[in-house]
Amino acid sequence: MVDGFSIMCLIATLFYVLMPQFIEEGRLCWLRAPLYKIEKGEQKLFAYNDEELEKIRQGRANWEITRAKGLGELNADDMERSMLHPTERRLEVLTIHDAETAAESIMMLMGPEVEGRRDFLFENVDFSILNK
């Protein structure tokens, strides 16, 4: 999972419904927040998903890994470096396709039709973990 994905879906759906031209003009962006900070001494790296974390971990024994549960866990320097620095930040322009997919997901998961939601849950959820 990616931090901020839920709110991104809701915001993309809002713009898709109310102001699709905003998306068509390439003016809706998603600023990614890092999920992990990997550091040793003065060296710091950021990973934005689990796959990136695994790549970074290779060959880096004894590095401290911190999982950010939200933006509030980043200090000002880390936020500036990982989210605001023009060459380091991850800024993704959302497309109409992204917004359509988000809107479809919102409607499937939260809309009135139960069948699609049920199918999704049974195909994607490991219910065995609920019995632990």
Protein backbone atom coordinates (compact mmCIF):
# COMPACT_ATOMS: atom_id res chain seq x y z
CA MET A 1 0.00 0.00 0.00
CA VAL A 2 1.09 3.54 -0.63
CA ASP A 3 0.70 6.31 1.92
CA GLY A 4 -1.99 8.76 0.91
CA PHE A 5 -3.65 6.42 -1.57
CA SER A 6 -7.10 6.59 0.05
CA ILE A 7 -7.24 10.37 0.14
CA MET A 8 -5.78 10.55 -3.38
CA CYS A 9 -8.65 8.38 -4.67
CA LEU A 10 -11.22 10.60 -2.98
CA ILE A 11 -9.66 13.84 -4.24
CA ALA A 12 -9.18 12.47 -7.77
CA THR A 13 -12.83 11.39 -7.81
CA LEU A 14 -13.95 14.82 -6.60
CA PHE A 15 -12.03 16.57 -9.38
CA TYR A 16 -13.14 13.96 -11.94
CA VAL A 17 -16.79 14.62 -11.12
CA LEU A 18 -16.71 18.38 -10.50
CA MET A 19 -13.79 19.70 -12.59
CA PRO A 20 -12.57 17.16 -15.17
CA GLN A 21 -10.93 19.94 -17.19
CA PHE A 22 -8.52 20.49 -14.28
CA ILE A 23 -7.28 16.92 -14.75
CA GLU A 24 -7.30 17.13 -18.56
CA GLU A 25 -5.04 20.20 -18.33
CA GLY A 26 -2.53 18.24 -16.22
CA ARG A 27 -3.03 20.41 -13.15
CA LEU A 28 -3.84 17.70 -10.58
CA CYS A 29 -0.75 16.15 -9.03
CA TRP A 30 -0.01 13.67 -6.29
CA LEU A 31 2.97 14.52 -4.11
CA ARG A 32 4.23 11.19 -2.79
CA ALA A 33 5.37 10.87 0.80
CA PRO A 34 8.06 8.33 1.69
CA LEU A 35 6.97 5.29 3.65
CA TYR A 36 10.44 4.52 4.97
CA LYS A 37 13.53 6.41 6.06
CA ILE A 38 16.73 4.37 5.89
CA GLU A 39 19.72 5.93 7.61
CA LYS A 40 23.19 5.30 8.93
CA GLY A 41 25.08 8.22 10.40
CA GLU A 42 24.60 11.24 8.16
CA GLN A 43 23.43 9.17 5.17
CA LYS A 44 19.68 9.07 4.55
CA LEU A 45 17.64 7.35 1.88
CA PHE A 46 13.89 7.24 1.40
CA ALA A 47 11.71 4.44 0.08
CA TYR A 48 8.21 5.10 -1.20
CA ASN A 49 7.00 1.49 -1.20
CA ASP A 50 7.99 -1.97 0.03
CA GLU A 51 9.74 -2.91 -3.23
CA GLU A 52 12.01 0.14 -3.05
CA LEU A 53 12.77 -0.65 0.58
CA GLU A 54 13.90 -4.16 -0.33
CA LYS A 55 16.19 -2.85 -3.09
CA ILE A 56 17.72 -0.27 -0.77
CA ARG A 57 18.26 -2.83 2.02
CA GLN A 58 20.44 -5.02 -0.18
CA GLY A 59 24.03 -4.48 0.79
CA ARG A 60 23.16 -2.10 3.62
CA ALA A 61 23.40 -4.09 6.84
CA ASN A 62 23.02 -2.24 10.13
CA TRP A 63 21.11 0.68 8.65
CA GLU A 64 18.24 1.96 10.76
CA ILE A 65 14.83 1.71 9.08
CA THR A 66 11.94 3.86 10.26
CA ARG A 67 8.39 3.36 8.96
CA ALA A 68 6.56 6.67 8.64
CA LYS A 69 2.92 6.29 9.58
CA GLY A 70 2.14 9.72 8.21
CA LEU A 71 3.58 13.10 7.36
CA GLY A 72 3.71 14.06 11.04
CA GLU A 73 6.53 11.59 11.59
CA LEU A 74 8.85 13.37 9.16
CA ASN A 75 10.95 16.18 10.58
CA ALA A 76 11.27 19.42 8.63
CA ASP A 77 14.60 18.47 7.04
CA ASP A 78 13.36 15.06 5.90
CA MET A 79 10.17 16.57 4.50
CA GLU A 80 12.11 19.22 2.60
CA ARG A 81 14.49 16.67 1.15
CA SER A 82 11.96 13.96 0.28
CA MET A 83 8.93 16.02 -0.74
CA LEU A 84 9.87 19.60 -1.56
CA HIS A 85 13.30 19.46 -3.19
CA PRO A 86 12.69 19.77 -6.97
CA THR A 87 15.10 16.98 -7.95
CA GLU A 88 14.26 14.57 -5.11
CA ARG A 89 10.48 14.78 -4.74
CA ARG A 90 8.01 12.39 -6.34
CA LEU A 91 5.37 14.49 -8.04
CA GLU A 92 3.00 12.53 -10.25
CA VAL A 93 0.59 14.24 -12.62
CA LEU A 94 -2.74 12.42 -12.47
CA THR A 95 -4.48 11.63 -15.74
CA ILE A 96 -8.13 11.20 -16.60
CA HIS A 97 -7.48 7.45 -16.63
CA ASP A 98 -6.13 7.66 -13.05
CA ALA A 99 -9.21 9.63 -11.99
CA GLU A 100 -11.60 7.26 -13.77
CA THR A 101 -9.94 4.29 -12.08
CA ALA A 102 -10.16 6.03 -8.70
CA ALA A 103 -13.84 6.88 -9.25
CA GLU A 104 -14.60 3.29 -10.27
CA SER A 105 -12.79 1.98 -7.19
CA ILE A 106 -14.65 4.35 -4.89
CA MET A 107 -18.00 3.37 -6.39
CA MET A 108 -17.16 -0.33 -6.25
CA LEU A 109 -16.00 -0.21 -2.62
CA MET A 110 -18.45 2.35 -1.26
CA GLY A 111 -21.36 2.44 -3.69
CA PRO A 112 -24.75 0.75 -3.50
CA GLU A 113 -23.85 -2.35 -5.55
CA VAL A 114 -22.85 -5.19 -3.21
CA GLU A 115 -21.88 -7.82 -5.79
CA GLY A 116 -18.71 -6.10 -7.06
CA ARG A 117 -17.57 -5.31 -3.53
CA ARG A 118 -18.16 -8.89 -2.39
CA ASP A 119 -16.28 -10.30 -5.39
CA PHE A 120 -13.38 -7.93 -4.77
CA LEU A 121 -13.15 -8.90 -1.10
CA PHE A 122 -13.24 -12.63 -1.76
CA GLU A 123 -10.57 -12.32 -4.48
CA ASN A 124 -8.21 -10.01 -2.58
CA VAL A 125 -8.55 -10.56 1.16
CA ASP A 126 -6.91 -13.36 3.12
CA PHE A 127 -9.63 -14.11 5.64
CA SER A 128 -7.46 -16.65 7.47
CA ILE A 129 -5.70 -13.80 9.29
CA LEU A 130 -9.00 -12.88 10.96
CA ASN A 131 -8.99 -16.10 12.99
CA LYS A 132 -5.66 -15.37 14.70
